[in-house]
Protein backbone atom coordinates (compact mmCIF):
# COMPACT_ATOMS: atom_id res chain seq x y z
CA UNK A 1 78.62 89.22 62.91
CA UNK A 2 77.34 85.64 62.62
CA UNK A 3 76.91 84.46 66.22
CA UNK A 4 74.85 81.27 65.83
CA UNK A 5 75.08 78.08 63.80
CA UNK A 6 72.09 75.81 63.23
CA UNK A 7 72.56 72.05 62.87
CA UNK A 8 69.54 70.19 61.43
CA UNK A 9 70.03 66.76 63.03
CA UNK A 10 66.63 65.09 63.16
CA UNK A 11 66.96 62.80 60.13
CA UNK A 12 66.90 59.03 60.43
CA UNK A 13 70.04 58.22 58.44
CA UNK A 14 68.31 55.31 56.72
CA UNK A 15 71.18 54.76 54.27
CA UNK A 16 73.25 53.52 57.22
CA UNK A 17 70.77 51.07 58.70
CA UNK A 18 71.09 49.04 60.84
CA UNK A 19 73.95 51.12 62.33
CA UNK A 20 71.66 54.14 62.71
CA UNK A 21 68.73 52.22 64.20
CA UNK A 22 69.72 53.38 67.71
CA UNK A 23 72.68 55.69 66.94
CA UNK A 24 72.18 59.16 65.40
CA UNK A 25 73.83 59.38 61.99
CA UNK A 26 75.49 62.61 63.18
CA UNK A 27 77.31 60.52 65.79
CA UNK A 28 78.90 58.13 63.28
CA UNK A 29 82.67 58.51 63.72
CA UNK A 30 85.28 59.54 61.21
CA UNK A 31 88.29 58.07 63.02
CA UNK A 32 87.77 59.08 66.67
CA UNK A 33 85.33 62.01 66.31
CA UNK A 34 81.65 61.98 65.39
CA UNK A 35 80.56 63.85 62.28
CA UNK A 36 78.73 66.55 64.22
CA UNK A 37 81.85 67.42 66.23
CA UNK A 38 83.72 68.18 63.01
CA UNK A 39 80.90 70.57 62.11
CA UNK A 40 80.91 72.26 65.51
CA UNK A 41 84.67 72.72 65.33
CA UNK A 42 84.29 74.28 61.87
CA UNK A 43 81.71 76.73 63.24
CA UNK A 44 83.96 77.54 66.18
CA UNK A 45 86.87 78.23 63.79
CA UNK A 46 84.57 80.74 62.04
CA UNK A 47 84.12 82.66 65.30
CA UNK A 48 80.72 81.17 66.14
CA UNK A 49 80.17 80.08 69.75
CA UNK A 50 76.40 79.40 69.93
CA UNK A 51 75.30 76.07 68.48
CA UNK A 52 71.59 75.50 67.87
CA UNK A 53 70.74 71.87 67.17
CA UNK A 54 67.42 70.60 65.79
CA UNK A 55 67.06 67.01 66.95
CA UNK A 56 64.37 64.35 67.04
CA UNK A 57 63.45 61.15 68.81
CA UNK A 58 66.42 58.91 69.58
CA UNK A 59 69.00 61.70 69.35
CA UNK A 60 69.92 62.06 73.02
CA UNK A 61 73.47 60.87 72.28
CA UNK A 62 74.17 64.23 70.63
CA UNK A 63 73.28 66.14 73.80
CA UNK A 64 75.29 63.72 75.93
CA UNK A 65 78.33 64.09 73.67
CA UNK A 66 78.44 67.86 74.16
CA UNK A 67 78.22 67.55 77.93
CA UNK A 68 80.65 66.58 80.68
CA UNK A 69 80.78 62.89 81.59
CA UNK A 70 81.93 62.99 85.18
CA UNK A 71 82.09 59.21 85.57
CA UNK A 72 84.25 58.76 82.46
CA UNK A 73 86.54 61.65 83.33
CA UNK A 74 87.01 60.31 86.84
CA UNK A 75 87.75 56.84 85.47
CA UNK A 76 90.56 57.98 83.11
CA UNK A 77 91.94 60.87 85.16
CA UNK A 78 95.71 60.63 85.42
CA UNK A 79 95.96 57.88 82.79
CA UNK A 80 97.37 58.00 79.27
CA UNK A 81 93.80 58.19 77.93
CA UNK A 82 92.97 61.50 79.61
CA UNK A 83 94.36 63.62 76.72
CA UNK A 84 91.94 61.90 74.33
CA UNK A 85 89.13 64.07 75.73
CA UNK A 86 91.05 67.32 75.29
CA UNK A 87 89.41 68.33 71.97
CA UNK A 88 85.84 67.74 73.12
CA UNK A 89 86.56 69.49 76.43
CA UNK A 90 87.73 72.56 74.50
CA UNK A 91 84.55 72.49 72.41
CA UNK A 92 82.32 72.25 75.49
CA UNK A 93 84.24 75.04 77.21
CA UNK A 94 84.01 77.48 74.30
CA UNK A 95 80.47 76.77 73.02
CA UNK A 96 76.91 77.12 74.22
CA UNK A 97 74.47 74.45 73.01
CA UNK A 98 70.71 74.70 72.73
CA UNK A 99 68.27 72.12 71.38
CA UNK A 100 64.77 71.82 69.99
CA UNK A 101 62.92 68.88 68.46
CA UNK A 102 61.53 68.52 64.96
CA UNK A 103 58.39 66.47 65.46
CA UNK A 104 57.98 65.48 61.80
CA UNK A 105 60.48 65.10 58.96
CA UNK A 106 59.18 67.57 56.36
CA UNK A 107 62.37 68.56 54.59
CA UNK A 108 65.38 70.79 55.23
CA UNK A 109 63.31 73.97 54.96
CA UNK A 110 61.01 72.75 57.72
CA UNK A 111 63.99 71.71 59.88
CA UNK A 112 65.49 75.20 59.57
CA UNK A 113 62.13 76.78 60.40
CA UNK A 114 61.94 74.55 63.49
CA UNK A 115 65.17 76.18 64.66
CA UNK A 116 63.71 79.70 64.53
CA UNK A 117 63.09 79.78 68.29
CA UNK A 118 66.79 79.09 68.88
CA UNK A 119 68.01 81.65 66.34
CA UNK A 120 65.75 84.68 66.63
CA UNK A 121 65.93 87.62 64.25
CA UNK A 122 69.59 87.62 63.23
CA UNK A 123 71.67 86.17 60.41
CA UNK A 124 72.94 82.66 61.10
CA UNK A 125 74.96 79.80 59.65
CA UNK A 126 73.69 76.31 58.84
CA UNK A 127 75.87 73.18 58.75
CA UNK A 128 74.67 69.77 57.61
CA UNK A 129 76.95 67.44 59.56
CA UNK A 130 76.95 64.67 56.98
CA UNK A 131 78.59 67.04 54.49
CA UNK A 132 82.07 66.90 55.98
CA UNK A 133 84.40 69.60 54.66
CA UNK A 134 88.17 69.78 54.89
CA UNK A 135 90.74 72.31 53.71
CA UNK A 136 94.41 71.74 52.97
CA UNK A 137 95.36 75.40 53.36
CA UNK A 138 93.68 78.67 54.21
CA UNK A 139 90.46 78.97 56.20
CA UNK A 140 87.76 76.35 56.84
CA UNK A 141 84.76 76.59 54.53
CA UNK A 142 82.38 78.30 56.95
CA UNK A 143 84.95 80.95 57.84
CA UNK A 144 85.36 81.67 54.12
CA UNK A 145 81.60 82.16 53.92
CA UNK A 146 81.41 84.41 57.00
CA UNK A 147 83.99 86.72 55.42
CA UNK A 148 81.90 86.77 52.25
CA UNK A 149 78.76 87.60 54.26
CA UNK A 150 80.57 90.55 55.82
CA UNK A 151 81.00 91.91 52.29
CA UNK A 152 77.60 91.19 50.75
CA UNK A 153 75.23 91.08 53.76
CA UNK A 154 72.88 88.58 52.16
CA UNK A 155 72.29 84.85 52.16
CA UNK A 156 75.26 82.73 51.04
CA UNK A 157 75.18 79.13 49.77
CA UNK A 158 78.28 76.99 49.26
CA UNK A 159 78.48 75.28 45.88
CA UNK A 160 80.70 72.86 44.01
CA UNK A 161 80.72 71.42 40.51
CA UNK A 162 79.24 67.94 40.23
CA UNK A 163 79.06 65.55 37.27
CA UNK A 164 76.17 66.48 34.99
CA UNK A 165 74.47 63.13 35.57
CA UNK A 166 74.41 63.74 39.35
CA UNK A 167 72.32 66.92 39.41
CA UNK A 168 69.23 64.98 40.54
CA UNK A 169 70.86 64.58 43.96
CA UNK A 170 71.30 68.29 44.72
CA UNK A 171 69.86 71.75 44.66
CA UNK A 172 71.32 73.36 41.52
CA UNK A 173 71.93 77.07 40.96
CA UNK A 174 72.28 79.31 37.94
CA UNK A 175 73.57 82.84 38.12
CA UNK A 176 75.96 85.55 37.03
CA UNK A 177 79.60 85.12 38.06
CA UNK A 178 80.44 88.54 39.53
CA UNK A 179 83.90 87.53 40.75
CA UNK A 180 85.90 84.35 40.36
CA UNK A 181 83.94 81.64 42.16
CA UNK A 182 81.23 84.07 43.35
CA UNK A 183 77.79 84.08 41.69
CA UNK A 184 74.74 86.28 42.05
CA UNK A 185 72.03 83.59 42.05
CA UNK A 186 69.22 84.00 39.54
CA UNK A 187 67.67 80.54 39.64
CA UNK A 188 67.67 77.49 41.91
CA UNK A 189 66.12 74.09 41.23
CA UNK A 190 65.82 71.23 43.72
CA UNK A 191 67.15 67.90 42.39
CA UNK A 192 66.51 68.53 38.69
CA UNK A 193 66.69 65.88 36.03
CA UNK A 194 70.11 66.24 34.33
CA UNK A 195 68.42 67.25 31.08
CA UNK A 196 66.64 70.13 32.83
CA UNK A 197 69.39 71.28 35.22
CA UNK A 198 70.33 74.96 34.76
CA UNK A 199 74.01 74.16 35.49
CA UNK A 200 76.16 71.61 37.31
CA UNK A 201 76.79 73.92 40.30
CA UNK A 202 75.37 72.08 43.31
CA UNK A 203 74.52 73.46 46.74
CA UNK A 204 76.24 71.58 49.57
CA UNK A 205 75.53 71.60 53.30
CA UNK A 206 76.85 75.05 54.22
CA UNK A 207 74.62 78.14 54.32
CA UNK A 208 74.51 81.59 55.81
CA UNK A 209 70.93 82.84 55.95
CA UNK A 210 69.35 86.17 56.78
CA UNK A 211 66.44 86.03 59.25
CA UNK A 212 63.75 86.90 56.68
CA UNK A 213 64.23 83.33 55.42
CA UNK A 214 61.91 82.13 58.20
CA UNK A 215 58.89 84.04 56.82
CA UNK A 216 59.77 82.90 53.32
CA UNK A 217 59.85 79.26 54.47
CA UNK A 218 56.47 79.73 56.15
CA UNK A 219 55.05 80.84 52.80
CA UNK A 220 56.71 78.01 50.87
CA UNK A 221 54.49 75.14 49.77
CA UNK A 222 55.76 71.56 49.80
CA UNK A 223 57.82 70.84 46.69
CA UNK A 224 59.94 67.93 45.51
CA UNK A 225 59.03 64.78 47.44
CA UNK A 226 56.26 66.59 49.33
CA UNK A 227 58.87 68.33 51.50
CA UNK A 228 59.44 72.00 52.26
CA UNK A 229 62.65 72.70 50.40
CA UNK A 230 65.09 75.41 51.50
CA UNK A 231 65.96 76.00 47.84
CA UNK A 232 62.37 77.10 47.16
CA UNK A 233 62.55 79.65 49.97
CA UNK A 234 65.98 80.82 48.87
CA UNK A 235 64.66 81.30 45.34
CA UNK A 236 62.37 84.00 46.71
CA UNK A 237 65.40 85.79 48.16
CA UNK A 238 67.25 85.29 44.87
CA UNK A 239 64.40 87.05 43.08
CA UNK A 240 65.29 90.09 45.19
CA UNK A 241 68.98 89.76 44.25
CA UNK A 242 69.86 88.65 47.76
CA UNK A 243 71.54 85.26 47.39
CA UNK A 244 75.22 84.68 46.65
CA UNK A 245 76.63 81.27 45.70
CA UNK A 246 80.24 80.62 46.59
CA UNK A 247 82.48 77.98 45.05
CA UNK A 248 84.42 77.26 48.21
CA UNK A 249 88.07 76.34 48.60
CA UNK A 250 88.35 72.89 50.12
CA UNK A 251 87.01 69.38 49.75
CA UNK A 252 83.60 68.00 50.64
CA UNK A 253 82.77 64.41 51.55
CA UNK A 254 79.18 63.19 51.33
CA UNK A 255 79.15 61.20 54.56
CA UNK A 256 75.45 60.58 54.14
CA UNK A 257 76.46 57.87 51.67
CA UNK A 258 78.54 54.78 52.42
CA UNK A 259 81.00 55.57 49.62
CA UNK A 260 81.53 59.14 50.84
CA UNK A 261 81.85 57.99 54.44
CA UNK A 262 84.59 55.50 53.55
CA UNK A 263 86.34 58.10 51.37
CA UNK A 264 86.33 60.59 54.26
CA UNK A 265 87.63 57.97 56.68
CA UNK A 266 90.53 57.14 54.37
CA UNK A 267 91.30 60.83 53.78
CA UNK A 268 91.42 61.72 57.47
CA UNK A 269 93.37 58.58 58.27
CA UNK A 270 96.05 59.61 55.79
CA UNK A 271 96.21 63.03 57.43
CA UNK A 272 96.43 61.35 60.85
CA UNK A 273 99.31 59.13 59.70
CA UNK A 274 101.16 62.12 58.25
CA UNK A 275 101.28 63.93 61.61
């Protein structure tokens, strides 16, 4: 069983400056909830109750959000605004949160390695909060992946098709389709030039990783951009036939970009209006 979910949340969010100068990008709201709360709720829906968050300087707002605010609760108790805290209260009640700091920004692989002390030697999920996923029917994306892990018992990466001229923004996989939408990964390339991309199947911010990934990251040299890339470490697992790519059912919004953030806001607002 997957018991823990890791949230790398130490990045600066420079594409949203000046809004993110003093506010963590993970705390930017889509309607009335911050991005990271959507991710935590997705993990909780997958049966995961232990949230491990890798933070950095200036990220205290994340810890405060997932804690009780006695002054605020006292102020609105008995008013019409009290129900507005119901969702976050449920999250706090059903989850355990632990935190560690990433001292330097050295890439996603390094951020995941920083979380090793919170995870230990067990398989775990990873959610990147600025990849906001939604589903119209069926299970949330991470729950789909947990069920797949229970079958294959190896690392799982979520993928989606992207336009061929956008491959330089993503980790791209190539592999054998063993079932509809399920691939045994044979190759992975971080942000390839479109002319050199092995496919247009892009990895998005949902992973399930087996604990040997930590040693593989430790042995991974800095790659694209001088950073330690998780795709390079995963490629070592793929060489052992131990990485599955899954074309998930649902919709992803790149909330790390202004366009994606606005698109997500409009999407969730339409859902809100339809209630």
